[in-house]
Amino acid sequence: MSRSRWDETITWMQKEQGLWELDRELRNQILDYLETVRGPGSPADKKRPQASHMYEYHYPPNPL
């Protein structure tokens, strides 16, 4: 996500999920990190999505 989308997400988390208020300096540090590590053009952005094991089922299908 872009820096502005991360900023919107933090604001949403504060309003809807109970995240505490962050002072401007800390918020900017967090946004710098997210933009670098998870933003457009970051190494994570260039990786192919990997299948999540969370959505794999480890039981046989229902025979009925």
PDB file of N, CA and C in Angstrom:
ATOM      1  N   MET A   1       0.850  -1.185   0.000  1.00  0.00           N
ATOM      2  CA  MET A   1       0.000   0.000   0.000  1.00  0.00           C
ATOM      3  C   MET A   1       0.886   1.235   0.000  1.00  0.00           C
ATOM      4  N   SER A   2       0.329   2.300  -0.465  1.00  0.00           N
ATOM      5  CA  SER A   2       1.052   3.570  -0.465  1.00  0.00           C
ATOM      6  C   SER A   2       1.099   4.150   0.946  1.00  0.00           C
ATOM      7  N   ARG A   3       1.956   5.137   1.135  1.00  0.00           N
ATOM      8  CA  ARG A   3       2.071   5.792   2.440  1.00  0.00           C
ATOM      9  C   ARG A   3       0.728   6.376   2.871  1.00  0.00           C
ATOM     10  N   SER A   4       0.013   7.007   1.945  1.00  0.00           N
ATOM     11  CA  SER A   4      -1.272   7.617   2.303  1.00  0.00           C
ATOM     12  C   SER A   4      -2.299   6.552   2.710  1.00  0.00           C
ATOM     13  N   ARG A   5      -2.267   5.390   2.048  1.00  0.00           N
ATOM     14  CA  ARG A   5      -3.189   4.306   2.437  1.00  0.00           C
ATOM     15  C   ARG A   5      -2.817   3.744   3.804  1.00  0.00           C
ATOM     16  N   TRP A   6      -1.519   3.629   4.092  1.00  0.00           N
ATOM     17  CA  TRP A   6      -1.101   3.191   5.423  1.00  0.00           C
ATOM     18  C   TRP A   6      -1.567   4.194   6.469  1.00  0.00           C
ATOM     19  N   ASP A   7      -1.447   5.481   6.153  1.00  0.00           N
ATOM     20  CA  ASP A   7      -1.881   6.522   7.087  1.00  0.00           C
ATOM     21  C   ASP A   7      -3.386   6.408   7.340  1.00  0.00           C
ATOM     22  N   GLU A   8      -4.160   6.189   6.297  1.00  0.00           N
ATOM     23  CA  GLU A   8      -5.607   5.991   6.445  1.00  0.00           C
ATOM     24  C   GLU A   8      -5.900   4.744   7.284  1.00  0.00           C
ATOM     25  N   THR A   9      -5.113   3.702   7.093  1.00  0.00           N
ATOM     26  CA  THR A   9      -5.312   2.470   7.854  1.00  0.00           C
ATOM     27  C   THR A   9      -5.042   2.692   9.339  1.00  0.00           C
ATOM     28  N   ILE A  10      -3.993   3.431   9.658  1.00  0.00           N
ATOM     29  CA  ILE A  10      -3.704   3.742  11.061  1.00  0.00           C
ATOM     30  C   ILE A  10      -4.848   4.551  11.659  1.00  0.00           C
ATOM     31  N   THR A  11      -5.343   5.536  10.915  1.00  0.00           N
ATOM     32  CA  THR A  11      -6.468   6.343  11.402  1.00  0.00           C
ATOM     33  C   THR A  11      -7.685   5.462  11.642  1.00  0.00           C
ATOM     34  N   TRP A  12      -7.974   4.560  10.717  1.00  0.00           N
ATOM     35  CA  TRP A  12      -9.098   3.630  10.886  1.00  0.00           C
ATOM     36  C   TRP A  12      -8.892   2.762  12.127  1.00  0.00           C
ATOM     37  N   MET A  13      -7.671   2.262  12.313  1.00  0.00           N
ATOM     38  CA  MET A  13      -7.381   1.427  13.477  1.00  0.00           C
ATOM     39  C   MET A  13      -7.602   2.205  14.772  1.00  0.00           C
ATOM     40  N   GLN A  14      -7.289   3.486  14.764  1.00  0.00           N
ATOM     41  CA  GLN A  14      -7.501   4.305  15.956  1.00  0.00           C
ATOM     42  C   GLN A  14      -8.988   4.528  16.211  1.00  0.00           C
ATOM     43  N   LYS A  15      -9.735   4.786  15.171  1.00  0.00           N
ATOM     44  CA  LYS A  15     -11.170   5.067  15.330  1.00  0.00           C
ATOM     45  C   LYS A  15     -11.985   3.815  15.618  1.00  0.00           C
ATOM     46  N   GLU A  16     -11.667   2.722  14.936  1.00  0.00           N
ATOM     47  CA  GLU A  16     -12.521   1.537  14.976  1.00  0.00           C
ATOM     48  C   GLU A  16     -11.978   0.383  15.817  1.00  0.00           C
ATOM     49  N   GLN A  17     -10.671   0.333  16.007  1.00  0.00           N
ATOM     50  CA  GLN A  17     -10.072  -0.840  16.643  1.00  0.00           C
ATOM     51  C   GLN A  17      -9.403  -0.543  17.983  1.00  0.00           C
ATOM     52  N   GLY A  18      -9.453   0.698  18.424  1.00  0.00           N
ATOM     53  CA  GLY A  18      -8.916   1.028  19.742  1.00  0.00           C
ATOM     54  C   GLY A  18      -7.420   1.280  19.795  1.00  0.00           C
ATOM     55  N   LEU A  19      -6.796   1.492  18.645  1.00  0.00           N
ATOM     56  CA  LEU A  19      -5.376   1.836  18.657  1.00  0.00           C
ATOM     57  C   LEU A  19      -5.204   3.207  19.290  1.00  0.00           C
ATOM     58  N   TRP A  20      -4.235   3.336  20.175  1.00  0.00           N
ATOM     59  CA  TRP A  20      -4.007   4.599  20.868  1.00  0.00           C
ATOM     60  C   TRP A  20      -3.483   5.664  19.904  1.00  0.00           C
ATOM     61  N   GLU A  21      -3.594   6.900  20.309  1.00  0.00           N
ATOM     62  CA  GLU A  21      -3.074   8.015  19.520  1.00  0.00           C
ATOM     63  C   GLU A  21      -1.551   7.943  19.493  1.00  0.00           C
ATOM     64  N   LEU A  22      -0.983   8.208  18.353  1.00  0.00           N
ATOM     65  CA  LEU A  22       0.466   8.211  18.183  1.00  0.00           C
ATOM     66  C   LEU A  22       0.926   9.648  18.008  1.00  0.00           C
ATOM     67  N   ASP A  23       2.040  10.002  18.652  1.00  0.00           N
ATOM     68  CA  ASP A  23       2.539  11.352  18.397  1.00  0.00           C
ATOM     69  C   ASP A  23       3.071  11.402  16.966  1.00  0.00           C
ATOM     70  N   ARG A  24       3.145  12.577  16.408  1.00  0.00           N
ATOM     71  CA  ARG A  24       3.473  12.764  14.992  1.00  0.00           C
ATOM     72  C   ARG A  24       4.802  12.108  14.634  1.00  0.00           C
ATOM     73  N   GLU A  25       5.807  12.224  15.493  1.00  0.00           N
ATOM     74  CA  GLU A  25       7.123  11.654  15.200  1.00  0.00           C
ATOM     75  C   GLU A  25       7.058  10.130  15.104  1.00  0.00           C
ATOM     76  N   LEU A  26       6.395   9.506  16.057  1.00  0.00           N
ATOM     77  CA  LEU A  26       6.265   8.044  16.034  1.00  0.00           C
ATOM     78  C   LEU A  26       5.440   7.593  14.831  1.00  0.00           C
ATOM     79  N   ARG A  27       4.366   8.292  14.553  1.00  0.00           N
ATOM     80  CA  ARG A  27       3.530   7.940  13.398  1.00  0.00           C
ATOM     81  C   ARG A  27       4.348   8.014  12.110  1.00  0.00           C
ATOM     82  N   ASN A  28       5.161   9.052  11.975  1.00  0.00           N
ATOM     83  CA  ASN A  28       6.008   9.182  10.785  1.00  0.00           C
ATOM     84  C   ASN A  28       7.045   8.069  10.705  1.00  0.00           C
ATOM     85  N   GLN A  29       7.603   7.663  11.846  1.00  0.00           N
ATOM     86  CA  GLN A  29       8.555   6.550  11.845  1.00  0.00           C
ATOM     87  C   GLN A  29       7.871   5.262  11.389  1.00  0.00           C
ATOM     88  N   ILE A  30       6.679   5.036  11.881  1.00  0.00           N
ATOM     89  CA  ILE A  30       5.925   3.842  11.480  1.00  0.00           C
ATOM     90  C   ILE A  30       5.608   3.897   9.988  1.00  0.00           C
ATOM     91  N   LEU A  31       5.163   5.054   9.512  1.00  0.00           N
ATOM     92  CA  LEU A  31       4.846   5.196   8.089  1.00  0.00           C
ATOM     93  C   LEU A  31       6.090   5.041   7.224  1.00  0.00           C
ATOM     94  N   ASP A  32       7.235   5.568   7.679  1.00  0.00           N
ATOM     95  CA  ASP A  32       8.494   5.386   6.944  1.00  0.00           C
ATOM     96  C   ASP A  32       8.810   3.899   6.809  1.00  0.00           C
ATOM     97  N   TYR A  33       8.668   3.189   7.907  1.00  0.00           N
ATOM     98  CA  TYR A  33       8.938   1.750   7.903  1.00  0.00           C
ATOM     99  C   TYR A  33       7.994   1.021   6.947  1.00  0.00           C
ATOM    100  N   LEU A  34       6.692   1.274   7.090  1.00  0.00           N
ATOM    101  CA  LEU A  34       5.711   0.582   6.253  1.00  0.00           C
ATOM    102  C   LEU A  34       5.899   0.908   4.779  1.00  0.00           C
ATOM    103  N   GLU A  35       6.219   2.152   4.479  1.00  0.00           N
ATOM    104  CA  GLU A  35       6.441   2.550   3.089  1.00  0.00           C
ATOM    105  C   GLU A  35       7.661   1.831   2.514  1.00  0.00           C
ATOM    106  N   THR A  36       8.703   1.676   3.322  1.00  0.00           N
ATOM    107  CA  THR A  36       9.927   1.027   2.861  1.00  0.00           C
ATOM    108  C   THR A  36       9.757  -0.479   2.722  1.00  0.00           C
ATOM    109  N   VAL A  37       9.132  -1.089   3.711  1.00  0.00           N
ATOM    110  CA  VAL A  37       9.067  -2.552   3.766  1.00  0.00           C
ATOM    111  C   VAL A  37       7.837  -3.115   3.061  1.00  0.00           C
ATOM    112  N   ARG A  38       6.715  -2.391   3.103  1.00  0.00           N
ATOM    113  CA  ARG A  38       5.470  -2.915   2.552  1.00  0.00           C
ATOM    114  C   ARG A  38       4.819  -1.994   1.518  1.00  0.00           C
ATOM    115  N   GLY A  39       5.527  -0.982   1.072  1.00  0.00           N
ATOM    116  CA  GLY A  39       4.957  -0.031   0.121  1.00  0.00           C
ATOM    117  C   GLY A  39       5.175  -0.448  -1.320  1.00  0.00           C
ATOM    118  N   PRO A  40       4.637   0.345  -2.254  1.00  0.00           N
ATOM    119  CA  PRO A  40       4.843   0.071  -3.675  1.00  0.00           C
ATOM    120  C   PRO A  40       6.331   0.080  -4.014  1.00  0.00           C
ATOM    121  N   GLY A  41       6.771  -0.906  -4.749  1.00  0.00           N
ATOM    122  CA  GLY A  41       8.173  -0.996  -5.139  1.00  0.00           C
ATOM    123  C   GLY A  41       9.058  -1.642  -4.085  1.00  0.00           C
ATOM    124  N   SER A  42       8.503  -2.012  -2.949  1.00  0.00           N
ATOM    125  CA  SER A  42       9.288  -2.657  -1.892  1.00  0.00           C
ATOM    126  C   SER A  42       9.546  -4.113  -2.268  1.00  0.00           C
ATOM    127  N   PRO A  43      10.517  -4.737  -1.609  1.00  0.00           N
ATOM    128  CA  PRO A  43      10.750  -6.162  -1.890  1.00  0.00           C
ATOM    129  C   PRO A  43       9.492  -7.013  -1.706  1.00  0.00           C
ATOM    130  N   ALA A  44       8.677  -6.694  -0.717  1.00  0.00           N
ATOM    131  CA  ALA A  44       7.448  -7.464  -0.491  1.00  0.00           C
ATOM    132  C   ALA A  44       6.460  -7.274  -1.633  1.00  0.00           C
ATOM    133  N   ASP A  45       6.466  -6.094  -2.235  1.00  0.00           N
ATOM    134  CA  ASP A  45       5.553  -5.806  -3.334  1.00  0.00           C
ATOM    135  C   ASP A  45       5.942  -6.581  -4.591  1.00  0.00           C
ATOM    136  N   LYS A  46       7.222  -6.889  -4.728  1.00  0.00           N
ATOM    137  CA  LYS A  46       7.715  -7.562  -5.922  1.00  0.00           C
ATOM    138  C   LYS A  46       7.585  -9.080  -5.835  1.00  0.00           C
ATOM    139  N   LYS A  47       7.363  -9.587  -4.626  1.00  0.00           N
ATOM    140  CA  LYS A  47       7.226 -11.034  -4.454  1.00  0.00           C
ATOM    141  C   LYS A  47       5.888 -11.497  -5.001  1.00  0.00           C
ATOM    142  N   ARG A  48       5.885 -12.701  -5.484  1.00  0.00           N
ATOM    143  CA  ARG A  48       4.616 -13.302  -5.894  1.00  0.00           C
ATOM    144  C   ARG A  48       3.827 -13.666  -4.652  1.00  0.00           C
ATOM    145  N   PRO A  49       2.529 -13.515  -4.723  1.00  0.00           N
ATOM    146  CA  PRO A  49       1.737 -13.951  -3.571  1.00  0.00           C
ATOM    147  C   PRO A  49       1.914 -15.451  -3.361  1.00  0.00           C
ATOM    148  N   GLN A  50       2.077 -15.831  -2.139  1.00  0.00           N
ATOM    149  CA  GLN A  50       2.224 -17.245  -1.830  1.00  0.00           C
ATOM    150  C   GLN A  50       0.913 -17.766  -1.277  1.00  0.00           C
ATOM    151  N   ALA A  51       0.639 -18.991  -1.608  1.00  0.00           N
ATOM    152  CA  ALA A  51      -0.579 -19.608  -1.084  1.00  0.00           C
ATOM    153  C   ALA A  51      -0.465 -19.704   0.432  1.00  0.00           C
ATOM    154  N   SER A  52      -1.506 -19.364   1.086  1.00  0.00           N
ATOM    155  CA  SER A  52      -1.519 -19.424   2.540  1.00  0.00           C
ATOM    156  C   SER A  52      -2.009 -20.791   2.991  1.00  0.00           C
ATOM    157  N   HIS A  53      -1.264 -21.398   3.892  1.00  0.00           N
ATOM    158  CA  HIS A  53      -1.675 -22.692   4.425  1.00  0.00           C
ATOM    159  C   HIS A  53      -2.952 -22.561   5.244  1.00  0.00           C
ATOM    160  N   MET A  54      -3.268 -21.348   5.626  1.00  0.00           N
ATOM    161  CA  MET A  54      -4.477 -21.118   6.408  1.00  0.00           C
ATOM    162  C   MET A  54      -5.725 -21.582   5.655  1.00  0.00           C
ATOM    163  N   TYR A  55      -5.673 -21.520   4.327  1.00  0.00           N
ATOM    164  CA  TYR A  55      -6.848 -21.842   3.533  1.00  0.00           C
ATOM    165  C   TYR A  55      -6.810 -23.253   2.957  1.00  0.00           C
ATOM    166  N   GLU A  56      -5.846 -24.037   3.385  1.00  0.00           N
ATOM    167  CA  GLU A  56      -5.790 -25.422   2.943  1.00  0.00           C
ATOM    168  C   GLU A  56      -6.568 -26.280   3.928  1.00  0.00           C
ATOM    169  N   TYR A  57      -7.287 -27.231   3.392  1.00  0.00           N
ATOM    170  CA  TYR A  57      -8.078 -28.109   4.242  1.00  0.00           C
ATOM    171  C   TYR A  57      -7.364 -29.445   4.371  1.00  0.00           C
ATOM    172  N   HIS A  58      -7.287 -29.947   5.586  1.00  0.00           N
ATOM    173  CA  HIS A  58      -6.558 -31.181   5.844  1.00  0.00           C
ATOM    174  C   HIS A  58      -7.501 -32.300   6.270  1.00  0.00           C
ATOM    175  N   TYR A  59      -8.618 -32.358   5.626  1.00  0.00           N
ATOM    176  CA  TYR A  59      -9.559 -33.431   5.897  1.00  0.00           C
ATOM    177  C   TYR A  59     -10.210 -33.825   4.577  1.00  0.00           C
ATOM    178  N   PRO A  60     -10.681 -35.079   4.483  1.00  0.00           N
ATOM    179  CA  PRO A  60     -11.273 -35.522   3.229  1.00  0.00           C
ATOM    180  C   PRO A  60     -12.600 -34.810   2.973  1.00  0.00           C
ATOM    181  N   PRO A  61     -12.978 -34.693   1.716  1.00  0.00           N
ATOM    182  CA  PRO A  61     -14.258 -34.061   1.406  1.00  0.00           C
ATOM    183  C   PRO A  61     -15.426 -34.870   1.963  1.00  0.00           C
ATOM    184  N   ASN A  62     -16.508 -34.210   2.209  1.00  0.00           N
ATOM    185  CA  ASN A  62     -17.716 -34.862   2.711  1.00  0.00           C
ATOM    186  C   ASN A  62     -18.248 -35.803   1.631  1.00  0.00           C
ATOM    187  N   PRO A  63     -18.419 -37.088   1.936  1.00  0.00           N
ATOM    188  CA  PRO A  63     -18.865 -38.042   0.916  1.00  0.00           C
ATOM    189  C   PRO A  63     -20.353 -37.942   0.597  1.00  0.00           C
ATOM    190  N   LEU A  64     -21.094 -37.169   1.336  1.00  0.00           N
ATOM    191  CA  LEU A  64     -22.539 -37.107   1.092  1.00  0.00           C
ATOM    192  C   LEU A  64     -22.893 -36.196  -0.030  1.00  0.00           C
TER     193      LEU A  64
END
